[in-house]
Full PDB file with SEQRES, HELIX, SHEET, SSBOND, CRYST1, ORIGX, SCALE, CONECT and MASTER records, all heavy atoms in Angstrom:
SEQRES   1 A   34  ASP ILE SER TYR ASN GLU PHE GLY GLU LYS VAL SER ALA          
SEQRES   2 A   34  GLU SER LYS GLU ARG VAL GLN ASN TYR LEU GLU GLN ILE          
SEQRES   3 A   34  LEU SER THR PHE ARG PHE VAL LYS                              
HELIX    1 AA1 ALA A   13  THR A   29  1                                  17    
CRYST1    1.000    1.000    1.000  90.00  90.00  90.00 P 1           1          
ORIGX1      1.000000  0.000000  0.000000        0.00000                         
ORIGX2      0.000000  1.000000  0.000000        0.00000                         
ORIGX3      0.000000  0.000000  1.000000        0.00000                         
SCALE1      1.000000  0.000000  0.000000        0.00000                         
SCALE2      0.000000  1.000000  0.000000        0.00000                         
SCALE3      0.000000  0.000000  1.000000        0.00000                         
ATOM      1  N   ASP A   1      12.128 -10.729 -11.933  1.00  0.00           N  
ATOM      2  CA  ASP A   1      13.005 -11.323 -10.910  1.00  0.00           C  
ATOM      3  C   ASP A   1      14.199 -11.866 -11.623  1.00  0.00           C  
ATOM      4  O   ASP A   1      14.140 -12.811 -12.431  1.00  0.00           O  
ATOM      5  CB  ASP A   1      12.209 -12.413 -10.211  1.00  0.00           C  
ATOM      6  CG  ASP A   1      13.076 -13.191  -9.204  1.00  0.00           C  
ATOM      7  OD1 ASP A   1      14.258 -12.803  -8.996  1.00  0.00           O  
ATOM      8  OD2 ASP A   1      12.601 -14.210  -8.655  1.00  0.00           O  
ATOM      9  N   ILE A   2      15.364 -11.296 -11.318  1.00  0.00           N  
ATOM     10  CA  ILE A   2      16.662 -11.760 -11.844  1.00  0.00           C  
ATOM     11  C   ILE A   2      17.483 -12.285 -10.653  1.00  0.00           C  
ATOM     12  O   ILE A   2      17.861 -11.510  -9.778  1.00  0.00           O  
ATOM     13  CB  ILE A   2      17.414 -10.708 -12.575  1.00  0.00           C  
ATOM     14  CG1 ILE A   2      16.553 -10.130 -13.747  1.00  0.00           C  
ATOM     15  CG2 ILE A   2      18.748 -11.196 -13.123  1.00  0.00           C  
ATOM     16  CD1 ILE A   2      17.182  -8.911 -14.431  1.00  0.00           C  
ATOM     17  N   SER A   3      17.768 -13.585 -10.593  1.00  0.00           N  
ATOM     18  CA  SER A   3      18.501 -14.183  -9.527  1.00  0.00           C  
ATOM     19  C   SER A   3      19.743 -14.914 -10.020  1.00  0.00           C  
ATOM     20  O   SER A   3      19.675 -15.627 -10.977  1.00  0.00           O  
ATOM     21  CB  SER A   3      17.681 -15.149  -8.712  1.00  0.00           C  
ATOM     22  OG  SER A   3      16.479 -14.506  -8.171  1.00  0.00           O  
ATOM     23  N   TYR A   4      20.880 -14.687  -9.350  1.00  0.00           N  
ATOM     24  CA  TYR A   4      22.108 -15.335  -9.745  1.00  0.00           C  
ATOM     25  C   TYR A   4      23.043 -15.385  -8.588  1.00  0.00           C  
ATOM     26  O   TYR A   4      22.833 -14.732  -7.539  1.00  0.00           O  
ATOM     27  CB  TYR A   4      22.763 -14.601 -10.923  1.00  0.00           C  
ATOM     28  CG  TYR A   4      23.023 -13.114 -10.672  1.00  0.00           C  
ATOM     29  CD1 TYR A   4      24.247 -12.675 -10.181  1.00  0.00           C  
ATOM     30  CD2 TYR A   4      22.002 -12.182 -10.870  1.00  0.00           C  
ATOM     31  CE1 TYR A   4      24.464 -11.320  -9.955  1.00  0.00           C  
ATOM     32  CE2 TYR A   4      22.204 -10.829 -10.622  1.00  0.00           C  
ATOM     33  CZ  TYR A   4      23.461 -10.424 -10.195  1.00  0.00           C  
ATOM     34  OH  TYR A   4      23.662  -9.097  -9.964  1.00  0.00           O  
ATOM     35  N   ASN A   5      24.139 -16.190  -8.691  1.00  0.00           N  
ATOM     36  CA  ASN A   5      25.143 -16.290  -7.621  1.00  0.00           C  
ATOM     37  C   ASN A   5      26.465 -16.299  -8.217  1.00  0.00           C  
ATOM     38  O   ASN A   5      26.657 -16.272  -9.435  1.00  0.00           O  
ATOM     39  CB  ASN A   5      24.896 -17.621  -6.800  1.00  0.00           C  
ATOM     40  CG  ASN A   5      24.907 -18.839  -7.716  1.00  0.00           C  
ATOM     41  OD1 ASN A   5      25.914 -19.198  -8.284  1.00  0.00           O  
ATOM     42  ND2 ASN A   5      23.755 -19.495  -7.833  1.00  0.00           N  
ATOM     43  N   GLU A   6      27.532 -16.368  -7.409  1.00  0.00           N  
ATOM     44  CA  GLU A   6      28.860 -16.162  -7.870  1.00  0.00           C  
ATOM     45  C   GLU A   6      29.367 -17.426  -8.650  1.00  0.00           C  
ATOM     46  O   GLU A   6      30.356 -17.371  -9.346  1.00  0.00           O  
ATOM     47  CB  GLU A   6      29.846 -15.941  -6.640  1.00  0.00           C  
ATOM     48  CG  GLU A   6      29.995 -17.111  -5.713  1.00  0.00           C  
ATOM     49  CD  GLU A   6      28.936 -16.977  -4.553  1.00  0.00           C  
ATOM     50  OE1 GLU A   6      27.882 -16.441  -4.782  1.00  0.00           O  
ATOM     51  OE2 GLU A   6      29.214 -17.498  -3.457  1.00  0.00           O  
ATOM     52  N   PHE A   7      28.642 -18.535  -8.538  1.00  0.00           N  
ATOM     53  CA  PHE A   7      29.022 -19.764  -9.254  1.00  0.00           C  
ATOM     54  C   PHE A   7      28.384 -19.833 -10.665  1.00  0.00           C  
ATOM     55  O   PHE A   7      28.798 -20.662 -11.459  1.00  0.00           O  
ATOM     56  CB  PHE A   7      28.604 -20.995  -8.479  1.00  0.00           C  
ATOM     57  CG  PHE A   7      29.262 -21.008  -7.056  1.00  0.00           C  
ATOM     58  CD1 PHE A   7      28.412 -20.812  -6.005  1.00  0.00           C  
ATOM     59  CD2 PHE A   7      30.616 -21.176  -6.893  1.00  0.00           C  
ATOM     60  CE1 PHE A   7      28.927 -20.839  -4.693  1.00  0.00           C  
ATOM     61  CE2 PHE A   7      31.111 -21.204  -5.628  1.00  0.00           C  
ATOM     62  CZ  PHE A   7      30.335 -21.005  -4.513  1.00  0.00           C  
ATOM     63  N   GLY A   8      27.374 -19.039 -10.910  1.00  0.00           N  
ATOM     64  CA  GLY A   8      26.676 -19.057 -12.207  1.00  0.00           C  
ATOM     65  C   GLY A   8      27.336 -18.149 -13.252  1.00  0.00           C  
ATOM     66  O   GLY A   8      28.343 -17.497 -13.026  1.00  0.00           O  
ATOM     67  N   GLU A   9      26.752 -18.231 -14.448  1.00  0.00           N  
ATOM     68  CA  GLU A   9      27.241 -17.390 -15.477  1.00  0.00           C  
ATOM     69  C   GLU A   9      26.961 -15.873 -15.216  1.00  0.00           C  
ATOM     70  O   GLU A   9      25.961 -15.539 -14.652  1.00  0.00           O  
ATOM     71  CB  GLU A   9      26.551 -17.769 -16.774  1.00  0.00           C  
ATOM     72  CG  GLU A   9      26.993 -17.003 -18.032  1.00  0.00           C  
ATOM     73  CD  GLU A   9      26.360 -17.448 -19.288  1.00  0.00           C  
ATOM     74  OE1 GLU A   9      25.693 -18.512 -19.281  1.00  0.00           O  
ATOM     75  OE2 GLU A   9      26.542 -16.748 -20.381  1.00  0.00           O  
ATOM     76  N   LYS A  10      27.956 -15.085 -15.532  1.00  0.00           N  
ATOM     77  CA  LYS A  10      27.834 -13.633 -15.325  1.00  0.00           C  
ATOM     78  C   LYS A  10      26.678 -13.062 -16.137  1.00  0.00           C  
ATOM     79  O   LYS A  10      26.536 -13.360 -17.282  1.00  0.00           O  
ATOM     80  CB  LYS A  10      29.126 -12.951 -15.596  1.00  0.00           C  
ATOM     81  CG  LYS A  10      29.104 -11.464 -15.279  1.00  0.00           C  
ATOM     82  CD  LYS A  10      30.465 -10.799 -15.521  1.00  0.00           C  
ATOM     83  CE  LYS A  10      30.434  -9.317 -15.177  1.00  0.00           C  
ATOM     84  NZ  LYS A  10      31.740  -8.713 -15.479  1.00  0.00           N  
ATOM     85  N   VAL A  11      25.890 -12.261 -15.493  1.00  0.00           N  
ATOM     86  CA  VAL A  11      24.716 -11.638 -16.164  1.00  0.00           C  
ATOM     87  C   VAL A  11      25.161 -10.315 -16.793  1.00  0.00           C  
ATOM     88  O   VAL A  11      25.580  -9.423 -16.009  1.00  0.00           O  
ATOM     89  CB  VAL A  11      23.574 -11.442 -15.144  1.00  0.00           C  
ATOM     90  CG1 VAL A  11      22.368 -10.837 -15.874  1.00  0.00           C  
ATOM     91  CG2 VAL A  11      23.162 -12.798 -14.596  1.00  0.00           C  
ATOM     92  N   SER A  12      25.008 -10.177 -18.050  1.00  0.00           N  
ATOM     93  CA  SER A  12      25.439  -9.002 -18.720  1.00  0.00           C  
ATOM     94  C   SER A  12      24.401  -7.899 -18.654  1.00  0.00           C  
ATOM     95  O   SER A  12      23.197  -8.161 -18.538  1.00  0.00           O  
ATOM     96  CB  SER A  12      25.810  -9.260 -20.206  1.00  0.00           C  
ATOM     97  OG  SER A  12      24.619  -9.628 -20.892  1.00  0.00           O  
ATOM     98  N   ALA A  13      24.848  -6.659 -18.780  1.00  0.00           N  
ATOM     99  CA  ALA A  13      23.936  -5.559 -18.822  1.00  0.00           C  
ATOM    100  C   ALA A  13      23.021  -5.574 -20.033  1.00  0.00           C  
ATOM    101  O   ALA A  13      21.858  -5.216 -19.979  1.00  0.00           O  
ATOM    102  CB  ALA A  13      24.725  -4.208 -18.797  1.00  0.00           C  
ATOM    103  N   GLU A  14      23.547  -6.130 -21.164  1.00  0.00           N  
ATOM    104  CA  GLU A  14      22.713  -6.262 -22.351  1.00  0.00           C  
ATOM    105  C   GLU A  14      21.585  -7.227 -22.180  1.00  0.00           C  
ATOM    106  O   GLU A  14      20.444  -6.997 -22.652  1.00  0.00           O  
ATOM    107  CB  GLU A  14      23.585  -6.738 -23.545  1.00  0.00           C  
ATOM    108  CG  GLU A  14      24.571  -5.673 -24.022  1.00  0.00           C  
ATOM    109  CD  GLU A  14      25.831  -5.637 -23.111  1.00  0.00           C  
ATOM    110  OE1 GLU A  14      25.978  -6.502 -22.227  1.00  0.00           O  
ATOM    111  OE2 GLU A  14      26.667  -4.702 -23.304  1.00  0.00           O  
ATOM    112  N   SER A  15      21.826  -8.335 -21.488  1.00  0.00           N  
ATOM    113  CA  SER A  15      20.776  -9.333 -21.208  1.00  0.00           C  
ATOM    114  C   SER A  15      19.699  -8.788 -20.272  1.00  0.00           C  
ATOM    115  O   SER A  15      18.508  -8.990 -20.487  1.00  0.00           O  
ATOM    116  CB  SER A  15      21.371 -10.586 -20.586  1.00  0.00           C  
ATOM    117  OG  SER A  15      22.233 -11.222 -21.479  1.00  0.00           O  
ATOM    118  N   LYS A  16      20.110  -8.035 -19.270  1.00  0.00           N  
ATOM    119  CA  LYS A  16      19.146  -7.397 -18.372  1.00  0.00           C  
ATOM    120  C   LYS A  16      18.299  -6.390 -19.127  1.00  0.00           C  
ATOM    121  O   LYS A  16      17.042  -6.343 -18.981  1.00  0.00           O  
ATOM    122  CB  LYS A  16      19.904  -6.691 -17.256  1.00  0.00           C  
ATOM    123  CG  LYS A  16      20.648  -7.564 -16.290  1.00  0.00           C  
ATOM    124  CD  LYS A  16      21.306  -6.754 -15.170  1.00  0.00           C  
ATOM    125  CE  LYS A  16      22.077  -7.646 -14.221  1.00  0.00           C  
ATOM    126  NZ  LYS A  16      22.757  -6.871 -13.187  1.00  0.00           N  
ATOM    127  N   GLU A  17      18.943  -5.597 -20.004  1.00  0.00           N  
ATOM    128  CA  GLU A  17      18.109  -4.609 -20.740  1.00  0.00           C  
ATOM    129  C   GLU A  17      17.144  -5.314 -21.700  1.00  0.00           C  
ATOM    130  O   GLU A  17      15.988  -4.853 -21.880  1.00  0.00           O  
ATOM    131  CB  GLU A  17      19.093  -3.763 -21.561  1.00  0.00           C  
ATOM    132  CG  GLU A  17      18.345  -2.653 -22.331  1.00  0.00           C  
ATOM    133  CD  GLU A  17      19.349  -1.780 -23.144  1.00  0.00           C  
ATOM    134  OE1 GLU A  17      20.524  -2.040 -23.083  1.00  0.00           O  
ATOM    135  OE2 GLU A  17      18.868  -0.837 -23.827  1.00  0.00           O  
ATOM    136  N   ARG A  18      17.553  -6.459 -22.259  1.00  0.00           N  
ATOM    137  CA  ARG A  18      16.682  -7.160 -23.174  1.00  0.00           C  
ATOM    138  C   ARG A  18      15.435  -7.681 -22.550  1.00  0.00           C  
ATOM    139  O   ARG A  18      14.335  -7.522 -23.001  1.00  0.00           O  
ATOM    140  CB  ARG A  18      17.492  -8.265 -23.857  1.00  0.00           C  
ATOM    141  CG  ARG A  18      16.733  -8.865 -25.055  1.00  0.00           C  
ATOM    142  CD  ARG A  18      17.573  -9.841 -25.809  1.00  0.00           C  
ATOM    143  NE  ARG A  18      16.890 -10.458 -26.909  1.00  0.00           N  
ATOM    144  CZ  ARG A  18      17.330 -11.453 -27.656  1.00  0.00           C  
ATOM    145  NH1 ARG A  18      18.537 -11.933 -27.397  1.00  0.00           N  
ATOM    146  NH2 ARG A  18      16.649 -11.930 -28.713  1.00  0.00           N  
ATOM    147  N   VAL A  19      15.577  -8.342 -21.384  1.00  0.00           N  
ATOM    148  CA  VAL A  19      14.459  -8.872 -20.651  1.00  0.00           C  
ATOM    149  C   VAL A  19      13.598  -7.801 -20.067  1.00  0.00           C  
ATOM    150  O   VAL A  19      12.404  -7.903 -19.984  1.00  0.00           O  
ATOM    151  CB  VAL A  19      14.866  -9.893 -19.605  1.00  0.00           C  
ATOM    152  CG1 VAL A  19      15.455  -9.216 -18.349  1.00  0.00           C  
ATOM    153  CG2 VAL A  19      13.727 -10.815 -19.214  1.00  0.00           C  
ATOM    154  N   GLN A  20      14.230  -6.656 -19.691  1.00  0.00           N  
ATOM    155  CA  GLN A  20      13.446  -5.493 -19.231  1.00  0.00           C  
ATOM    156  C   GLN A  20      12.568  -4.977 -20.394  1.00  0.00           C  
ATOM    157  O   GLN A  20      11.430  -4.555 -20.162  1.00  0.00           O  
ATOM    158  CB  GLN A  20      14.423  -4.398 -18.760  1.00  0.00           C  
ATOM    159  CG  GLN A  20      13.742  -3.063 -18.405  1.00  0.00           C  
ATOM    160  CD  GLN A  20      12.878  -3.192 -17.149  1.00  0.00           C  
ATOM    161  OE1 GLN A  20      13.097  -3.987 -16.262  1.00  0.00           O  
ATOM    162  NE2 GLN A  20      11.843  -2.352 -17.073  1.00  0.00           N  
ATOM    163  N   ASN A  21      13.066  -4.974 -21.613  1.00  0.00           N  
ATOM    164  CA  ASN A  21      12.303  -4.572 -22.768  1.00  0.00           C  
ATOM    165  C   ASN A  21      11.066  -5.502 -22.974  1.00  0.00           C  
ATOM    166  O   ASN A  21      10.004  -5.008 -23.322  1.00  0.00           O  
ATOM    167  CB  ASN A  21      13.134  -4.541 -24.007  1.00  0.00           C  
ATOM    168  CG  ASN A  21      14.111  -3.436 -24.019  1.00  0.00           C  
ATOM    169  OD1 ASN A  21      14.004  -2.425 -23.298  1.00  0.00           O  
ATOM    170  ND2 ASN A  21      15.191  -3.561 -24.844  1.00  0.00           N  
ATOM    171  N   TYR A  22      11.274  -6.768 -22.679  1.00  0.00           N  
ATOM    172  CA  TYR A  22      10.120  -7.684 -22.805  1.00  0.00           C  
ATOM    173  C   TYR A  22       9.074  -7.361 -21.747  1.00  0.00           C  
ATOM    174  O   TYR A  22       7.872  -7.381 -22.018  1.00  0.00           O  
ATOM    175  CB  TYR A  22      10.556  -9.130 -22.687  1.00  0.00           C  
ATOM    176  CG  TYR A  22      10.974  -9.778 -23.993  1.00  0.00           C  
ATOM    177  CD1 TYR A  22      12.252  -9.695 -24.433  1.00  0.00           C  
ATOM    178  CD2 TYR A  22       9.998 -10.427 -24.737  1.00  0.00           C  
ATOM    179  CE1 TYR A  22      12.636 -10.273 -25.652  1.00  0.00           C  
ATOM    180  CE2 TYR A  22      10.319 -10.988 -25.993  1.00  0.00           C  
ATOM    181  CZ  TYR A  22      11.652 -10.928 -26.420  1.00  0.00           C  
ATOM    182  OH  TYR A  22      11.987 -11.474 -27.637  1.00  0.00           O  
ATOM    183  N   LEU A  23       9.542  -7.070 -20.526  1.00  0.00           N  
ATOM    184  CA  LEU A  23       8.543  -6.679 -19.492  1.00  0.00           C  
ATOM    185  C   LEU A  23       7.774  -5.449 -19.886  1.00  0.00           C  
ATOM    186  O   LEU A  23       6.577  -5.372 -19.739  1.00  0.00           O  
ATOM    187  CB  LEU A  23       9.318  -6.490 -18.172  1.00  0.00           C  
ATOM    188  CG  LEU A  23       8.454  -5.915 -17.026  1.00  0.00           C  
ATOM    189  CD1 LEU A  23       7.277  -6.847 -16.682  1.00  0.00           C  
ATOM    190  CD2 LEU A  23       9.285  -5.695 -15.772  1.00  0.00           C  
ATOM    191  N   GLU A  24       8.501  -4.440 -20.376  1.00  0.00           N  
ATOM    192  CA  GLU A  24       7.824  -3.199 -20.770  1.00  0.00           C  
ATOM    193  C   GLU A  24       6.852  -3.416 -21.936  1.00  0.00           C  
ATOM    194  O   GLU A  24       5.795  -2.779 -21.987  1.00  0.00           O  
ATOM    195  CB  GLU A  24       8.906  -2.123 -21.141  1.00  0.00           C  
ATOM    196  CG  GLU A  24       9.744  -1.701 -19.915  1.00  0.00           C  
ATOM    197  CD  GLU A  24      10.732  -0.665 -20.261  1.00  0.00           C  
ATOM    198  OE1 GLU A  24      10.868  -0.330 -21.497  1.00  0.00           O  
ATOM    199  OE2 GLU A  24      11.507  -0.218 -19.385  1.00  0.00           O  
ATOM    200  N   GLN A  25       7.203  -4.346 -22.817  1.00  0.00           N  
ATOM    201  CA  GLN A  25       6.277  -4.620 -23.941  1.00  0.00           C  
ATOM    202  C   GLN A  25       5.032  -5.361 -23.416  1.00  0.00           C  
ATOM    203  O   GLN A  25       3.924  -5.104 -23.909  1.00  0.00           O  
ATOM    204  CB  GLN A  25       6.976  -5.520 -24.975  1.00  0.00           C  
ATOM    205  CG  GLN A  25       6.136  -5.734 -26.181  1.00  0.00           C  
ATOM    206  CD  GLN A  25       5.788  -4.463 -26.880  1.00  0.00           C  
ATOM    207  OE1 GLN A  25       6.579  -3.792 -27.515  1.00  0.00           O  
ATOM    208  NE2 GLN A  25       4.513  -4.062 -26.770  1.00  0.00           N  
ATOM    209  N   ILE A  26       5.190  -6.292 -22.448  1.00  0.00           N  
ATOM    210  CA  ILE A  26       4.052  -6.913 -21.855  1.00  0.00           C  
ATOM    211  C   ILE A  26       3.180  -5.883 -21.200  1.00  0.00           C  
ATOM    212  O   ILE A  26       1.959  -5.885 -21.302  1.00  0.00           O  
ATOM    213  CB  ILE A  26       4.510  -7.973 -20.879  1.00  0.00           C  
ATOM    214  CG1 ILE A  26       5.155  -9.162 -21.626  1.00  0.00           C  
ATOM    215  CG2 ILE A  26       3.337  -8.492 -20.017  1.00  0.00           C  
ATOM    216  CD1 ILE A  26       5.771 -10.189 -20.688  1.00  0.00           C  
ATOM    217  N   LEU A  27       3.773  -4.955 -20.461  1.00  0.00           N  
ATOM    218  CA  LEU A  27       3.034  -3.896 -19.741  1.00  0.00           C  
ATOM    219  C   LEU A  27       2.231  -3.048 -20.751  1.00  0.00           C  
ATOM    220  O   LEU A  27       1.145  -2.611 -20.488  1.00  0.00           O  
ATOM    221  CB  LEU A  27       3.999  -2.988 -19.020  1.00  0.00           C  
ATOM    222  CG  LEU A  27       4.511  -3.491 -17.637  1.00  0.00           C  
ATOM    223  CD1 LEU A  27       5.648  -2.642 -17.121  1.00  0.00           C  
ATOM    224  CD2 LEU A  27       3.398  -3.480 -16.607  1.00  0.00           C  
ATOM    225  N   SER A  28       2.843  -2.812 -21.980  1.00  0.00           N  
ATOM    226  CA  SER A  28       2.141  -1.965 -22.926  1.00  0.00           C  
ATOM    227  C   SER A  28       0.924  -2.592 -23.503  1.00  0.00           C  
ATOM    228  O   SER A  28       0.051  -1.918 -24.090  1.00  0.00           O  
ATOM    229  CB  SER A  28       3.122  -1.620 -24.052  1.00  0.00           C  
ATOM    230  OG  SER A  28       3.358  -2.703 -24.908  1.00  0.00           O  
ATOM    231  N   THR A  29       0.762  -3.953 -23.343  1.00  0.00           N  
ATOM    232  CA  THR A  29      -0.442  -4.615 -23.826  1.00  0.00           C  
ATOM    233  C   THR A  29      -1.531  -4.770 -22.776  1.00  0.00           C  
ATOM    234  O   THR A  29      -2.606  -5.213 -23.053  1.00  0.00           O  
ATOM    235  CB  THR A  29      -0.092  -6.039 -24.421  1.00  0.00           C  
ATOM    236  OG1 THR A  29       0.289  -6.915 -23.285  1.00  0.00           O  
ATOM    237  CG2 THR A  29       1.062  -5.954 -25.378  1.00  0.00           C  
ATOM    238  N   PHE A  30      -1.152  -4.464 -21.548  1.00  0.00           N  
ATOM    239  CA  PHE A  30      -2.107  -4.563 -20.437  1.00  0.00           C  
ATOM    240  C   PHE A  30      -3.176  -3.516 -20.507  1.00  0.00           C  
ATOM    241  O   PHE A  30      -2.868  -2.349 -20.769  1.00  0.00           O  
ATOM    242  CB  PHE A  30      -1.308  -4.484 -19.103  1.00  0.00           C  
ATOM    243  CG  PHE A  30      -2.237  -4.439 -17.904  1.00  0.00           C  
ATOM    244  CD1 PHE A  30      -2.719  -5.596 -17.357  1.00  0.00           C  
ATOM    245  CD2 PHE A  30      -2.533  -3.210 -17.284  1.00  0.00           C  
ATOM    246  CE1 PHE A  30      -3.555  -5.589 -16.290  1.00  0.00           C  
ATOM    247  CE2 PHE A  30      -3.353  -3.198 -16.165  1.00  0.00           C  
ATOM    248  CZ  PHE A  30      -3.882  -4.352 -15.632  1.00  0.00           C  
ATOM    249  N   ARG A  31      -4.413  -3.931 -20.246  1.00  0.00           N  
ATOM    250  CA  ARG A  31      -5.510  -2.985 -20.179  1.00  0.00           C  
ATOM    251  C   ARG A  31      -6.605  -3.513 -19.290  1.00  0.00           C  
ATOM    252  O   ARG A  31      -6.754  -4.763 -19.168  1.00  0.00           O  
ATOM    253  CB  ARG A  31      -6.039  -2.618 -21.612  1.00  0.00           C  
ATOM    254  CG  ARG A  31      -6.755  -3.705 -22.293  1.00  0.00           C  
ATOM    255  CD  ARG A  31      -7.062  -3.362 -23.717  1.00  0.00           C  
ATOM    256  NE  ARG A  31      -7.946  -4.292 -24.325  1.00  0.00           N  
ATOM    257  CZ  ARG A  31      -9.265  -4.202 -24.440  1.00  0.00           C  
ATOM    258  NH1 ARG A  31      -9.879  -3.134 -23.944  1.00  0.00           N  
ATOM    259  NH2 ARG A  31     -10.060  -5.115 -25.038  1.00  0.00           N  
ATOM    260  N   PHE A  32      -7.404  -2.608 -18.820  1.00  0.00           N  
ATOM    261  CA  PHE A  32      -8.600  -2.977 -18.006  1.00  0.00           C  
ATOM    262  C   PHE A  32      -9.700  -3.290 -18.995  1.00  0.00           C  
ATOM    263  O   PHE A  32      -9.891  -2.633 -20.013  1.00  0.00           O  
ATOM    264  CB  PHE A  32      -9.023  -1.868 -17.074  1.00  0.00           C  
ATOM    265  CG  PHE A  32      -7.940  -1.496 -16.102  1.00  0.00           C  
ATOM    266  CD1 PHE A  32      -7.473  -0.121 -16.016  1.00  0.00           C  
ATOM    267  CD2 PHE A  32      -7.377  -2.373 -15.263  1.00  0.00           C  
ATOM    268  CE1 PHE A  32      -6.523   0.200 -15.143  1.00  0.00           C  
ATOM    269  CE2 PHE A  32      -6.352  -2.043 -14.333  1.00  0.00           C  
ATOM    270  CZ  PHE A  32      -5.913  -0.687 -14.310  1.00  0.00           C  
ATOM    271  N   VAL A  33     -10.542  -4.280 -18.660  1.00  0.00           N  
ATOM    272  CA  VAL A  33     -11.625  -4.678 -19.474  1.00  0.00           C  
ATOM    273  C   VAL A  33     -12.870  -4.921 -18.676  1.00  0.00           C  
ATOM    274  O   VAL A  33     -12.797  -5.089 -17.455  1.00  0.00           O  
ATOM    275  CB  VAL A  33     -11.317  -6.003 -20.328  1.00  0.00           C  
ATOM    276  CG1 VAL A  33     -10.157  -5.820 -21.223  1.00  0.00           C  
ATOM    277  CG2 VAL A  33     -11.164  -7.180 -19.345  1.00  0.00           C  
ATOM    278  N   LYS A  34     -14.040  -4.837 -19.354  1.00  0.00           N  
ATOM    279  CA  LYS A  34     -15.330  -5.113 -18.719  1.00  0.00           C  
ATOM    280  C   LYS A  34     -15.912  -6.324 -19.395  1.00  0.00           C  
ATOM    281  O   LYS A  34     -15.518  -6.719 -20.522  1.00  0.00           O  
ATOM    282  CB  LYS A  34     -16.220  -3.873 -18.839  1.00  0.00           C  
ATOM    283  CG  LYS A  34     -15.695  -2.677 -18.145  1.00  0.00           C  
ATOM    284  CD  LYS A  34     -16.653  -1.505 -18.305  1.00  0.00           C  
ATOM    285  CE  LYS A  34     -16.120  -0.233 -17.648  1.00  0.00           C  
ATOM    286  NZ  LYS A  34     -17.003   0.905 -17.803  1.00  0.00           N  
TER     287      LYS A  34                                                      
MASTER        0    0    0    1    0    0    0    6  286    1    0    3          
END                                                                             
């Protein structure tokens, strides 16, 4: 979830890509267990 408004700091494409990489890394550690 990335939320921002016109009064806040501009969100760069690099920052979005970086946090997306963190999400993908978290996903890569997910597994089903018994």
